[in-house]
Amino acid sequence: MTPLRKHSILRRVKDITLSTTLSIALLNGTVLLQSCGGSNDAETEQSDQTASSDQFGKGVRTYITETSPGNFKITDEVQVDPKQAGAIVNYADGHRDTLSVQAAKRLVQSDSSTSRYFNNPSTYHHGSGLSSVLLWGSLGYMLGRSTTPRFSNEQQYRSGVYSSPQTYERANRVGSTITSSRISRPSGGRSGFFGGGRSRGASS
């Protein structure tokens, strides 16, 4: 009987050891999954904040006129509160559209003639359509255009979207005000008002 009893005891010890090992493995797996999940959530949150647009303390309202079918010029720009920023477009057929900053941003970032500026700058070709005028006017800074020049002929691009040299000169002052009011991204890639500071900005 003694050998049987010893065998029974050894089997129970093995069963307990196996059960304990499985339990520890399962617990470690749960902790690992929770850790990974928390990391992914944090990365997603940071990515969402990084993707958000820059904020500006001052805004601009841009007045645009279609001078001929498909060709547009900026006839005036005035400084406004950021909540009132946007564009008013007068078309050749007599109708008028009012574009919010969000609507104008969607246009320039999706239109084939201007989306290259954001996605593949080396292939960008300047045009005279509505999206190009929105991008290169002072409102363009609020639509995602860099305050740091990306092309050697940016001054030509900017001046070409205005109806006259006088309009361009006035717009230059407005553009300088807009860029100097840009709320800088804080370190770590986050954007918006989280940083609380203002960047020096680039003059137009």
C-alpha atoms as a PDB file:
ATOM      1  CA  MET A   1       0.000   0.000   0.000  1.00  0.00           C
ATOM      2  CA  THR A   2       2.845   2.337   0.757  1.00  0.00           C
ATOM      3  CA  PRO A   3       4.123   2.500  -2.851  1.00  0.00           C
ATOM      4  CA  LEU A   4       0.622   3.337  -4.068  1.00  0.00           C
ATOM      5  CA  ARG A   5       0.275   6.059  -1.498  1.00  0.00           C
ATOM      6  CA  LYS A   6       3.603   7.605  -2.545  1.00  0.00           C
ATOM      7  CA  HIS A   7       2.616   7.458  -6.203  1.00  0.00           C
ATOM      8  CA  SER A   8      -0.705   9.158  -5.400  1.00  0.00           C
ATOM      9  CA  ILE A   9       1.051  11.910  -3.461  1.00  0.00           C
ATOM     10  CA  LEU A  10       3.556  12.525  -6.271  1.00  0.00           C
ATOM     11  CA  ARG A  11       0.757  12.752  -8.835  1.00  0.00           C
ATOM     12  CA  ARG A  12      -1.101  15.309  -6.692  1.00  0.00           C
ATOM     13  CA  VAL A  13       2.077  17.389  -6.366  1.00  0.00           C
ATOM     14  CA  LYS A  14       2.535  17.330 -10.124  1.00  0.00           C
ATOM     15  CA  ASP A  15      -1.108  18.340 -10.662  1.00  0.00           C
ATOM     16  CA  ILE A  16      -0.777  21.257  -8.229  1.00  0.00           C
ATOM     17  CA  THR A  17       2.487  22.379  -9.830  1.00  0.00           C
ATOM     18  CA  LEU A  18       0.963  22.244 -13.329  1.00  0.00           C
ATOM     19  CA  SER A  19      -2.131  24.121 -12.178  1.00  0.00           C
ATOM     20  CA  THR A  20      -0.019  26.814 -10.525  1.00  0.00           C
ATOM     21  CA  THR A  21       2.150  27.199 -13.639  1.00  0.00           C
ATOM     22  CA  LEU A  22      -0.899  27.600 -15.904  1.00  0.00           C
ATOM     23  CA  SER A  23      -2.422  30.165 -13.555  1.00  0.00           C
ATOM     24  CA  ILE A  24       0.748  32.261 -13.510  1.00  0.00           C
ATOM     25  CA  ALA A  25       0.998  32.089 -17.312  1.00  0.00           C
ATOM     26  CA  LEU A  26      -2.598  33.217 -17.730  1.00  0.00           C
ATOM     27  CA  LEU A  27      -2.150  36.079 -15.274  1.00  0.00           C
ATOM     28  CA  ASN A  28       1.021  37.219 -17.030  1.00  0.00           C
ATOM     29  CA  GLY A  29      -0.780  37.096 -20.352  1.00  0.00           C
ATOM     30  CA  THR A  30      -3.607  39.271 -19.010  1.00  0.00           C
ATOM     31  CA  VAL A  31      -1.152  41.829 -17.625  1.00  0.00           C
ATOM     32  CA  LEU A  32       0.718  41.864 -20.928  1.00  0.00           C
ATOM     33  CA  LEU A  33      -2.486  42.439 -22.910  1.00  0.00           C
ATOM     34  CA  GLN A  34      -3.538  45.263 -20.592  1.00  0.00           C
ATOM     35  CA  SER A  35      -0.109  46.847 -20.908  1.00  0.00           C
ATOM     36  CA  CYS A  36      -0.216  46.662 -24.702  1.00  0.00           C
ATOM     37  CA  GLY A  37      -3.739  48.048 -24.783  1.00  0.00           C
ATOM     38  CA  GLY A  38      -2.773  51.016 -22.636  1.00  0.00           C
ATOM     39  CA  SER A  39       0.210  51.751 -24.848  1.00  0.00           C
ATOM     40  CA  ASN A  40      -1.909  51.657 -28.007  1.00  0.00           C
ATOM     41  CA  ASP A  41      -4.500  53.960 -26.462  1.00  0.00           C
ATOM     42  CA  ALA A  42      -1.787  56.454 -25.522  1.00  0.00           C
ATOM     43  CA  GLU A  43      -0.250  56.291 -28.995  1.00  0.00           C
ATOM     44  CA  THR A  44      -3.662  56.806 -30.627  1.00  0.00           C
ATOM     45  CA  GLU A  45      -4.401  59.790 -28.396  1.00  0.00           C
ATOM     46  CA  GLN A  46      -1.038  61.368 -29.165  1.00  0.00           C
ATOM     47  CA  SER A  47      -1.489  60.706 -32.885  1.00  0.00           C
ATOM     48  CA  ASP A  48      -4.927  62.382 -32.857  1.00  0.00           C
ATOM     49  CA  GLN A  49      -3.516  65.422 -31.075  1.00  0.00           C
ATOM     50  CA  THR A  50      -0.537  65.611 -33.417  1.00  0.00           C
ATOM     51  CA  ALA A  51      -2.862  65.525 -36.434  1.00  0.00           C
ATOM     52  CA  SER A  52      -4.940  68.448 -35.183  1.00  0.00           C
ATOM     53  CA  SER A  53      -4.487  71.805 -36.898  1.00  0.00           C
ATOM     54  CA  ASP A  54      -2.435  74.717 -35.654  1.00  0.00           C
ATOM     55  CA  GLN A  55      -4.425  77.419 -33.922  1.00  0.00           C
ATOM     56  CA  PHE A  56      -4.179  81.165 -34.509  1.00  0.00           C
ATOM     57  CA  GLY A  57      -4.944  84.056 -32.207  1.00  0.00           C
ATOM     58  CA  LYS A  58      -6.052  86.205 -35.178  1.00  0.00           C
ATOM     59  CA  GLY A  59      -7.959  85.329 -38.313  1.00  0.00           C
ATOM     60  CA  VAL A  60      -8.528  86.618 -41.840  1.00  0.00           C
ATOM     61  CA  ARG A  61     -11.531  86.956 -44.083  1.00  0.00           C
ATOM     62  CA  THR A  62     -10.640  86.713 -47.767  1.00  0.00           C
ATOM     63  CA  TYR A  63     -12.770  88.155 -50.592  1.00  0.00           C
ATOM     64  CA  ILE A  64     -12.351  86.322 -53.897  1.00  0.00           C
ATOM     65  CA  THR A  65     -13.759  87.049 -57.365  1.00  0.00           C
ATOM     66  CA  GLU A  66     -13.923  84.740 -60.366  1.00  0.00           C
ATOM     67  CA  THR A  67     -12.497  86.957 -63.115  1.00  0.00           C
ATOM     68  CA  SER A  68     -13.107  84.394 -65.872  1.00  0.00           C
ATOM     69  CA  PRO A  69     -14.352  80.796 -65.801  1.00  0.00           C
ATOM     70  CA  GLY A  70     -12.039  78.852 -63.499  1.00  0.00           C
ATOM     71  CA  ASN A  71      -9.745  81.799 -62.734  1.00  0.00           C
ATOM     72  CA  PHE A  72      -9.917  83.578 -59.379  1.00  0.00           C
ATOM     73  CA  LYS A  73      -8.299  86.593 -57.729  1.00  0.00           C
ATOM     74  CA  ILE A  74      -8.293  87.940 -54.186  1.00  0.00           C
ATOM     75  CA  THR A  75      -9.788  91.414 -54.146  1.00  0.00           C
ATOM     76  CA  ASP A  76      -9.462  92.119 -50.426  1.00  0.00           C
ATOM     77  CA  GLU A  77      -8.410  90.623 -47.093  1.00  0.00           C
ATOM     78  CA  VAL A  78      -9.313  91.886 -43.631  1.00  0.00           C
ATOM     79  CA  GLN A  79      -8.209  90.789 -40.191  1.00  0.00           C
ATOM     80  CA  VAL A  80     -11.014  89.303 -38.097  1.00  0.00           C
ATOM     81  CA  ASP A  81     -11.562  87.156 -35.045  1.00  0.00           C
ATOM     82  CA  PRO A  82     -10.537  83.538 -35.787  1.00  0.00           C
ATOM     83  CA  LYS A  83     -14.164  82.434 -35.366  1.00  0.00           C
ATOM     84  CA  GLN A  84     -15.154  84.745 -38.240  1.00  0.00           C
ATOM     85  CA  ALA A  85     -12.335  83.682 -40.564  1.00  0.00           C
ATOM     86  CA  GLY A  86     -13.071  82.218 -43.972  1.00  0.00           C
ATOM     87  CA  ALA A  87     -13.613  83.230 -47.585  1.00  0.00           C
ATOM     88  CA  ILE A  88     -16.386  84.916 -49.534  1.00  0.00           C
ATOM     89  CA  VAL A  89     -16.331  83.882 -53.194  1.00  0.00           C
ATOM     90  CA  ASN A  90     -18.126  85.804 -55.944  1.00  0.00           C
ATOM     91  CA  TYR A  91     -18.545  83.720 -59.091  1.00  0.00           C
ATOM     92  CA  ALA A  92     -18.734  84.928 -62.689  1.00  0.00           C
ATOM     93  CA  ASP A  93     -22.334  83.744 -62.995  1.00  0.00           C
ATOM     94  CA  GLY A  94     -23.398  86.054 -60.164  1.00  0.00           C
ATOM     95  CA  HIS A  95     -23.797  83.656 -57.251  1.00  0.00           C
ATOM     96  CA  ARG A  96     -21.839  83.886 -54.015  1.00  0.00           C
ATOM     97  CA  ASP A  97     -20.455  81.279 -51.630  1.00  0.00           C
ATOM     98  CA  THR A  98     -19.194  81.658 -48.087  1.00  0.00           C
ATOM     99  CA  LEU A  99     -16.536  79.147 -47.052  1.00  0.00           C
ATOM    100  CA  SER A 100     -15.621  78.470 -43.455  1.00  0.00           C
ATOM    101  CA  VAL A 101     -12.012  77.688 -42.574  1.00  0.00           C
ATOM    102  CA  GLN A 102     -12.968  74.006 -42.299  1.00  0.00           C
ATOM    103  CA  ALA A 103     -14.648  73.955 -45.729  1.00  0.00           C
ATOM    104  CA  ALA A 104     -11.744  75.797 -47.355  1.00  0.00           C
ATOM    105  CA  LYS A 105      -9.267  73.403 -45.726  1.00  0.00           C
ATOM    106  CA  ARG A 106     -11.139  70.377 -47.071  1.00  0.00           C
ATOM    107  CA  LEU A 107     -11.059  71.910 -50.548  1.00  0.00           C
ATOM    108  CA  VAL A 108      -7.330  72.687 -50.693  1.00  0.00           C
ATOM    109  CA  GLN A 109      -6.353  69.345 -49.137  1.00  0.00           C
ATOM    110  CA  SER A 110      -8.533  67.277 -51.480  1.00  0.00           C
ATOM    111  CA  ASP A 111      -8.381  69.212 -54.778  1.00  0.00           C
ATOM    112  CA  SER A 112      -5.857  67.595 -57.132  1.00  0.00           C
ATOM    113  CA  SER A 113      -4.264  70.956 -57.958  1.00  0.00           C
ATOM    114  CA  THR A 114      -3.335  71.759 -54.347  1.00  0.00           C
ATOM    115  CA  SER A 115      -3.311  68.470 -52.441  1.00  0.00           C
ATOM    116  CA  ARG A 116       0.193  67.825 -53.789  1.00  0.00           C
ATOM    117  CA  TYR A 117       1.451  70.748 -51.727  1.00  0.00           C
ATOM    118  CA  PHE A 118       0.605  68.731 -48.610  1.00  0.00           C
ATOM    119  CA  ASN A 119       1.231  65.173 -49.853  1.00  0.00           C
ATOM    120  CA  ASN A 120       4.078  65.514 -52.354  1.00  0.00           C
ATOM    121  CA  PRO A 121       5.452  69.078 -52.531  1.00  0.00           C
ATOM    122  CA  SER A 122       8.063  68.245 -55.170  1.00  0.00           C
ATOM    123  CA  THR A 123       5.281  67.580 -57.713  1.00  0.00           C
ATOM    124  CA  TYR A 124       3.220  70.690 -56.919  1.00  0.00           C
ATOM    125  CA  HIS A 125       2.264  72.924 -59.870  1.00  0.00           C
ATOM    126  CA  HIS A 126       0.816  76.366 -59.213  1.00  0.00           C
ATOM    127  CA  GLY A 127      -2.538  77.260 -60.753  1.00  0.00           C
ATOM    128  CA  SER A 128      -5.181  79.981 -60.762  1.00  0.00           C
ATOM    129  CA  GLY A 129      -8.179  77.957 -59.567  1.00  0.00           C
ATOM    130  CA  LEU A 130     -10.094  78.578 -56.378  1.00  0.00           C
ATOM    131  CA  SER A 131      -8.106  76.070 -54.309  1.00  0.00           C
ATOM    132  CA  SER A 132      -4.792  77.675 -55.360  1.00  0.00           C
ATOM    133  CA  VAL A 133      -6.033  81.139 -54.449  1.00  0.00           C
ATOM    134  CA  LEU A 134      -7.198  79.901 -51.055  1.00  0.00           C
ATOM    135  CA  LEU A 135      -3.861  78.189 -50.433  1.00  0.00           C
ATOM    136  CA  TRP A 136      -1.650  81.157 -51.342  1.00  0.00           C
ATOM    137  CA  GLY A 137      -3.670  83.960 -49.814  1.00  0.00           C
ATOM    138  CA  SER A 138      -3.250  84.881 -46.146  1.00  0.00           C
ATOM    139  CA  LEU A 139      -6.024  82.412 -45.284  1.00  0.00           C
ATOM    140  CA  GLY A 140      -3.698  79.663 -46.498  1.00  0.00           C
ATOM    141  CA  TYR A 141      -1.790  79.751 -43.211  1.00  0.00           C
ATOM    142  CA  MET A 142      -4.977  78.789 -41.398  1.00  0.00           C
ATOM    143  CA  LEU A 143      -5.549  75.990 -43.939  1.00  0.00           C
ATOM    144  CA  GLY A 144      -2.241  74.277 -43.230  1.00  0.00           C
ATOM    145  CA  ARG A 145       0.238  76.128 -45.428  1.00  0.00           C
ATOM    146  CA  SER A 146       3.661  76.238 -43.843  1.00  0.00           C
ATOM    147  CA  THR A 147       4.803  79.520 -42.330  1.00  0.00           C
ATOM    148  CA  THR A 148       8.295  78.554 -43.521  1.00  0.00           C
ATOM    149  CA  PRO A 149       8.775  78.903 -47.322  1.00  0.00           C
ATOM    150  CA  ARG A 150       8.960  75.554 -49.138  1.00  0.00           C
ATOM    151  CA  PHE A 151       9.579  76.844 -52.670  1.00  0.00           C
ATOM    152  CA  SER A 152      11.969  79.462 -54.038  1.00  0.00           C
ATOM    153  CA  ASN A 153       9.166  81.198 -55.957  1.00  0.00           C
ATOM    154  CA  GLU A 154       6.589  81.406 -53.155  1.00  0.00           C
ATOM    155  CA  GLN A 155       6.556  85.226 -53.341  1.00  0.00           C
ATOM    156  CA  GLN A 156       5.511  84.938 -56.983  1.00  0.00           C
ATOM    157  CA  TYR A 157       2.818  82.434 -56.044  1.00  0.00           C
ATOM    158  CA  ARG A 158       1.481  84.745 -53.323  1.00  0.00           C
ATOM    159  CA  SER A 159       1.541  87.960 -55.315  1.00  0.00           C
ATOM    160  CA  GLY A 160      -0.075  86.286 -58.320  1.00  0.00           C
ATOM    161  CA  VAL A 161      -3.323  85.438 -56.524  1.00  0.00           C
ATOM    162  CA  TYR A 162      -4.179  89.090 -55.755  1.00  0.00           C
ATOM    163  CA  SER A 163      -6.053  91.437 -58.050  1.00  0.00           C
ATOM    164  CA  SER A 164      -3.494  94.258 -57.795  1.00  0.00           C
ATOM    165  CA  PRO A 165      -0.101  95.119 -56.250  1.00  0.00           C
ATOM    166  CA  GLN A 166      -1.871  97.379 -53.743  1.00  0.00           C
ATOM    167  CA  THR A 167      -4.108  94.515 -52.607  1.00  0.00           C
ATOM    168  CA  TYR A 168      -1.049  92.306 -52.236  1.00  0.00           C
ATOM    169  CA  GLU A 169       0.753  94.888 -50.106  1.00  0.00           C
ATOM    170  CA  ARG A 170      -2.222  95.210 -47.766  1.00  0.00           C
ATOM    171  CA  ALA A 171      -2.549  91.436 -47.615  1.00  0.00           C
ATOM    172  CA  ASN A 172       1.128  91.099 -46.708  1.00  0.00           C
ATOM    173  CA  ARG A 173       0.495  93.061 -43.521  1.00  0.00           C
ATOM    174  CA  VAL A 174      -2.507  90.893 -42.709  1.00  0.00           C
ATOM    175  CA  GLY A 175      -0.497  87.742 -43.411  1.00  0.00           C
ATOM    176  CA  SER A 176       2.295  88.867 -41.085  1.00  0.00           C
ATOM    177  CA  THR A 177      -0.239  89.410 -38.325  1.00  0.00           C
ATOM    178  CA  ILE A 178      -1.718  85.954 -38.855  1.00  0.00           C
ATOM    179  CA  THR A 179       1.613  84.114 -38.790  1.00  0.00           C
ATOM    180  CA  SER A 180       2.809  85.982 -35.699  1.00  0.00           C
ATOM    181  CA  SER A 181      -0.384  84.937 -33.860  1.00  0.00           C
ATOM    182  CA  ARG A 182       0.169  81.227 -34.529  1.00  0.00           C
ATOM    183  CA  ILE A 183      -0.077  79.080 -31.404  1.00  0.00           C
ATOM    184  CA  SER A 184       3.020  76.889 -31.456  1.00  0.00           C
ATOM    185  CA  ARG A 185       3.026  73.127 -31.009  1.00  0.00           C
ATOM    186  CA  PRO A 186       4.476  72.173 -27.627  1.00  0.00           C
ATOM    187  CA  SER A 187       7.338  69.679 -27.438  1.00  0.00           C
ATOM    188  CA  GLY A 188       6.333  66.065 -27.976  1.00  0.00           C
ATOM    189  CA  GLY A 189       4.379  66.740 -31.157  1.00  0.00           C
ATOM    190  CA  ARG A 190       1.131  67.912 -29.582  1.00  0.00           C
ATOM    191  CA  SER A 191      -0.612  70.840 -31.174  1.00  0.00           C
ATOM    192  CA  GLY A 192      -3.337  73.360 -30.511  1.00  0.00           C
ATOM    193  CA  PHE A 193      -3.767  75.334 -27.328  1.00  0.00           C
ATOM    194  CA  PHE A 194      -2.114  72.740 -25.096  1.00  0.00           C
ATOM    195  CA  GLY A 195       1.247  74.504 -25.306  1.00  0.00           C
ATOM    196  CA  GLY A 196      -0.087  77.896 -24.335  1.00  0.00           C
ATOM    197  CA  GLY A 197       2.817  79.693 -25.995  1.00  0.00           C
ATOM    198  CA  ARG A 198       3.122  81.575 -29.255  1.00  0.00           C
ATOM    199  CA  SER A 199       5.703  81.141 -31.925  1.00  0.00           C
ATOM    200  CA  ARG A 200       7.542  83.961 -33.599  1.00  0.00           C
ATOM    201  CA  GLY A 201       6.134  82.935 -36.973  1.00  0.00           C
ATOM    202  CA  ALA A 202       7.530  83.759 -40.391  1.00  0.00           C
ATOM    203  CA  SER A 203       6.779  87.025 -42.078  1.00  0.00           C
ATOM    204  CA  SER A 204       5.087  86.817 -45.465  1.00  0.00           C
END
